[in-house]
Protein backbone atom coordinates (compact mmCIF):
# COMPACT_ATOMS: atom_id res chain seq x y z
CA MET A 1 21.87 8.54 -24.69
CA ILE A 2 18.95 6.48 -23.39
CA THR A 3 20.50 2.60 -23.27
CA ILE A 4 18.38 -0.37 -23.68
CA ALA A 5 19.61 -4.17 -22.37
CA LEU A 6 18.21 -7.07 -23.46
CA SER A 7 18.68 -10.51 -23.59
CA LYS A 8 18.95 -12.62 -27.47
CA GLY A 9 16.49 -14.70 -28.36
CA ARG A 10 12.90 -14.83 -26.96
CA ILE A 11 13.52 -11.51 -24.84
CA PHE A 12 14.74 -9.58 -27.46
CA GLU A 13 11.55 -11.02 -30.23
CA GLU A 14 8.49 -10.45 -27.87
CA THR A 15 10.31 -6.71 -26.66
CA LEU A 16 10.17 -5.79 -30.63
CA PRO A 17 6.56 -4.94 -30.14
CA LEU A 18 6.71 -2.74 -26.94
CA LEU A 19 9.55 -1.05 -28.70
CA ALA A 20 8.03 -0.15 -32.01
CA ALA A 21 4.86 1.31 -29.91
CA ALA A 22 7.73 3.66 -28.26
CA GLY A 23 8.85 4.47 -31.91
CA ILE A 24 12.22 2.35 -31.54
CA VAL A 25 13.62 0.29 -34.17
CA PRO A 26 16.36 -1.72 -33.62
CA ALA A 27 18.95 -0.97 -36.94
CA GLU A 28 20.26 -4.40 -36.59
CA ALA A 29 18.41 -8.03 -35.07
CA PRO A 30 21.22 -9.25 -32.51
CA GLU A 31 21.63 -13.05 -34.39
CA SER A 32 22.82 -11.15 -37.82
CA THR A 33 25.52 -9.59 -36.05
CA ARG A 34 28.62 -9.91 -33.61
CA LYS A 35 27.68 -6.00 -32.54
CA LEU A 36 26.88 -5.69 -28.40
CA ILE A 37 26.18 -2.92 -29.12
CA ILE A 38 23.44 -1.74 -31.46
CA GLY A 39 21.79 1.29 -32.73
CA THR A 40 18.48 2.07 -33.40
CA ASN A 41 16.48 4.70 -35.76
CA GLN A 42 16.46 7.52 -32.78
CA PRO A 43 20.06 8.55 -32.19
CA ASP A 44 19.47 8.57 -28.57
CA VAL A 45 18.78 5.12 -27.75
CA GLN A 46 20.95 2.44 -28.30
CA LEU A 47 20.26 -1.46 -27.17
CA ILE A 48 23.19 -3.30 -25.82
CA ILE A 49 23.05 -7.03 -25.32
CA VAL A 50 24.13 -9.43 -23.01
CA ARG A 51 23.33 -12.73 -21.21
CA ALA A 52 19.73 -12.74 -19.48
CA SER A 53 21.01 -13.29 -16.13
CA ASP A 54 23.45 -9.70 -16.31
CA VAL A 55 20.32 -7.66 -17.40
CA PRO A 56 19.46 -6.81 -13.72
CA THR A 57 23.30 -5.80 -12.92
CA TYR A 58 23.62 -3.61 -16.03
CA VAL A 59 20.47 -1.56 -14.91
CA GLN A 60 21.17 -1.38 -11.49
CA TYR A 61 25.24 -0.34 -11.91
CA GLY A 62 23.77 2.57 -14.56
CA ALA A 63 25.37 0.85 -17.45
CA ALA A 64 22.04 0.61 -19.07
CA ASP A 65 19.19 2.91 -18.08
CA LEU A 66 16.06 0.51 -18.64
CA GLY A 67 16.17 -3.58 -19.48
CA VAL A 68 13.81 -6.31 -19.86
CA ALA A 69 14.30 -9.19 -17.30
CA GLY A 70 12.84 -12.59 -16.53
CA LYS A 71 10.60 -12.70 -13.02
CA ASP A 72 13.26 -16.28 -12.11
CA VAL A 73 16.61 -13.71 -13.14
CA LEU A 74 15.11 -10.76 -10.95
CA LEU A 75 14.10 -13.08 -8.05
CA GLU A 76 17.90 -14.33 -8.19
CA HIS A 77 19.33 -10.73 -8.34
CA GLY A 78 17.23 -9.44 -5.47
CA GLY A 79 16.72 -6.56 -7.49
CA GLN A 80 18.58 -4.14 -5.77
CA GLY A 81 18.81 -0.77 -6.86
CA LEU A 82 15.76 -1.14 -9.73
CA TYR A 83 12.48 0.11 -10.03
CA GLN A 84 10.10 -2.47 -11.54
CA PRO A 85 7.16 -0.52 -13.04
CA LEU A 86 5.58 -2.99 -15.37
CA ASP A 87 5.08 -6.70 -16.20
CA LEU A 88 5.40 -6.78 -19.46
CA GLU A 89 3.68 -10.16 -20.00
CA ILE A 90 6.13 -11.70 -22.27
CA ALA A 91 8.18 -14.78 -22.19
CA LYS A 92 5.65 -16.70 -20.21
CA CYS A 93 6.41 -20.03 -19.07
CA ALA A 94 6.90 -21.32 -15.13
CA LEU A 95 9.16 -22.48 -12.66
CA MET A 96 8.76 -26.17 -11.86
CA VAL A 97 10.26 -28.87 -9.94
CA ALA A 98 10.64 -32.16 -12.60
CA THR A 99 12.41 -35.60 -12.02
CA GLN A 100 12.40 -38.57 -13.93
CA ASN A 101 9.44 -40.31 -14.68
CA GLY A 102 8.96 -43.24 -12.13
CA PHE A 103 10.58 -41.32 -9.54
CA ASP A 104 8.21 -41.42 -6.31
CA TYR A 105 8.69 -37.47 -5.89
CA GLU A 106 5.32 -37.15 -3.22
CA GLY A 107 6.60 -40.42 -1.16
CA ALA A 108 10.29 -38.84 -1.01
CA VAL A 109 8.76 -35.17 0.19
CA LYS A 110 5.98 -37.10 2.78
CA GLN A 111 8.75 -39.50 4.13
CA GLY A 112 11.22 -36.48 4.58
CA ALA A 113 14.12 -38.10 2.72
CA ARG A 114 17.04 -35.47 2.11
CA MET A 115 17.02 -34.98 -1.82
CA ARG A 116 19.40 -33.39 -3.98
CA ILE A 117 18.03 -31.00 -6.52
CA ALA A 118 19.89 -29.64 -9.62
CA THR A 119 19.36 -25.84 -10.61
CA LYS A 120 20.28 -22.41 -11.23
CA TYR A 121 17.56 -20.60 -9.80
CA THR A 122 18.69 -21.87 -5.68
CA GLU A 123 17.70 -19.32 -4.11
CA GLN A 124 13.82 -19.71 -5.45
CA ALA A 125 14.50 -23.67 -5.12
CA LYS A 126 15.53 -23.32 -1.38
CA GLU A 127 13.12 -20.67 -0.51
CA HIS A 128 10.43 -23.29 -2.02
CA PHE A 129 11.71 -26.54 0.09
CA ALA A 130 12.15 -24.66 2.81
CA ALA A 131 8.18 -23.40 2.96
CA LYS A 132 7.75 -26.78 2.63
CA GLY A 133 10.14 -28.36 5.37
CA VAL A 134 11.93 -30.27 2.74
CA HIS A 135 15.57 -31.15 3.44
CA VAL A 136 17.85 -30.56 0.31
CA ASP A 137 21.27 -30.49 -1.16
CA LEU A 138 21.27 -27.91 -4.10
CA ILE A 139 23.49 -28.47 -6.97
CA LYS A 140 24.20 -25.62 -9.00
CA LEU A 141 24.64 -26.37 -12.73
CA TYR A 142 24.27 -23.40 -15.69
CA GLY A 143 23.25 -25.93 -18.24
CA SER A 144 21.49 -29.18 -19.74
CA MET A 145 19.66 -29.20 -16.37
CA GLU A 146 17.47 -32.56 -17.73
CA LEU A 147 20.61 -34.61 -17.97
CA ALA A 148 21.18 -34.23 -13.83
CA PRO A 149 18.30 -36.66 -12.93
CA LEU A 150 19.50 -38.86 -16.06
CA VAL A 151 22.95 -39.85 -14.29
CA GLY A 152 22.20 -39.69 -11.02
CA LEU A 153 23.65 -36.25 -9.84
CA ALA A 154 19.95 -35.00 -8.80
CA ASP A 155 16.96 -36.55 -7.60
CA ALA A 156 15.41 -33.65 -9.50
CA ILE A 157 15.49 -30.42 -11.28
CA VAL A 158 14.40 -27.06 -10.68
CA ASP A 159 13.91 -25.23 -14.35
CA LEU A 160 11.92 -23.00 -16.29
CA VAL A 161 9.09 -24.94 -18.61
CA SER A 162 7.41 -23.80 -21.27
CA THR A 163 6.00 -26.39 -23.83
CA GLY A 164 7.32 -29.35 -21.83
CA GLY A 165 8.87 -30.46 -24.79
CA THR A 166 12.55 -30.67 -23.56
CA LEU A 167 11.32 -32.29 -20.48
CA LYS A 168 9.13 -35.18 -22.58
CA ALA A 169 12.42 -35.81 -24.86
CA ASN A 170 14.60 -36.79 -22.03
CA ASN A 171 12.21 -39.12 -20.18
CA LEU A 172 11.21 -36.21 -16.99
CA VAL A 173 8.16 -35.44 -15.59
CA ALA A 174 6.68 -32.16 -14.07
CA VAL A 175 5.77 -32.73 -10.46
CA GLU A 176 5.31 -29.29 -9.25
CA HIS A 177 4.80 -25.69 -9.95
CA ILE A 178 6.70 -23.10 -8.21
CA ARG A 179 5.60 -20.22 -9.82
CA ASP A 180 4.72 -18.36 -13.02
CA ILE A 181 6.83 -16.28 -14.51
CA SER A 182 6.96 -14.21 -17.18
CA SER A 183 9.56 -10.60 -18.49
CA ARG A 184 9.38 -7.16 -16.16
CA LEU A 185 10.66 -3.64 -17.67
CA VAL A 186 13.34 -2.88 -15.06
CA VAL A 187 14.66 1.12 -14.74
CA ASN A 188 17.44 2.30 -13.23
CA GLN A 189 16.29 4.90 -10.42
CA SER A 190 19.08 7.18 -11.07
CA SER A 191 17.93 7.27 -14.64
CA LEU A 192 14.49 7.72 -13.74
CA LYS A 193 15.30 10.90 -11.88
CA LEU A 194 17.71 12.41 -14.14
CA LYS A 195 16.88 11.11 -17.63
CA HIS A 196 12.61 11.41 -17.26
CA GLU A 197 11.64 13.43 -19.79
CA ARG A 198 13.14 11.35 -21.97
CA LEU A 199 12.49 7.78 -20.46
CA GLN A 200 8.60 8.41 -19.10
CA PRO A 201 6.86 8.07 -22.62
CA MET A 202 8.89 4.93 -23.26
CA LEU A 203 7.61 3.74 -20.10
CA ASP A 204 4.05 4.71 -20.96
CA ALA A 205 4.21 3.55 -24.30
CA PHE A 206 4.93 -0.05 -23.21
CA ALA A 207 2.38 0.30 -20.48
CA ALA A 208 -0.38 1.25 -23.32
CA THR A 209 0.86 -1.92 -25.07
CA VAL A 210 0.60 -4.20 -22.44
CA ALA A 211 -2.86 -2.97 -21.46
CA ASN A 212 -4.19 -2.95 -24.79
CA ARG A 213 -3.34 -6.84 -24.92
CA HIS A 214 -6.59 -7.11 -22.86
CA ALA A 215 -8.51 -4.28 -24.35
């Protein structure tokens, strides 16, 4: 059995054409079922639906043979025990620093003031501000990041930004770009060896689909 770990929402939807290229069609959509294990048109391939942040863990420990995870998630996870053969170029967004509109971010950074940063991407935020020589206190949140500057919990947030609509709706503005983010294919290293004959054609189909976008 080949098990593929995916998360609901944008990543699942944008992975469907890649699966189709490998001849894999899910039997159900995750939004239409409470099942966490979804069969496919291929009897030896199943999908498991997990939180985006858990995909690398399921693949690392062999509960899934491969999965799709955002670069942001992989950087926080550390990528231990994972083979990352392909940038799928899906679910694109950017990791940004954002503040309340009117906050003098440049001034705070130049003055060397200690800032409070709310984020769930603590490792990347720590690395970013350390490289700039800026002292920060990191506050880990798991959701509603935009609220933190509005109620005085933090001076700024580090979060993923796609269209910027949520920032604008909450009177926040992106003030610094940290890195571009897209989703990657991750493969369990043992699975790649033990199930090579079954997995390699899938990897080749995914790679060809990505390459064809640039043709």
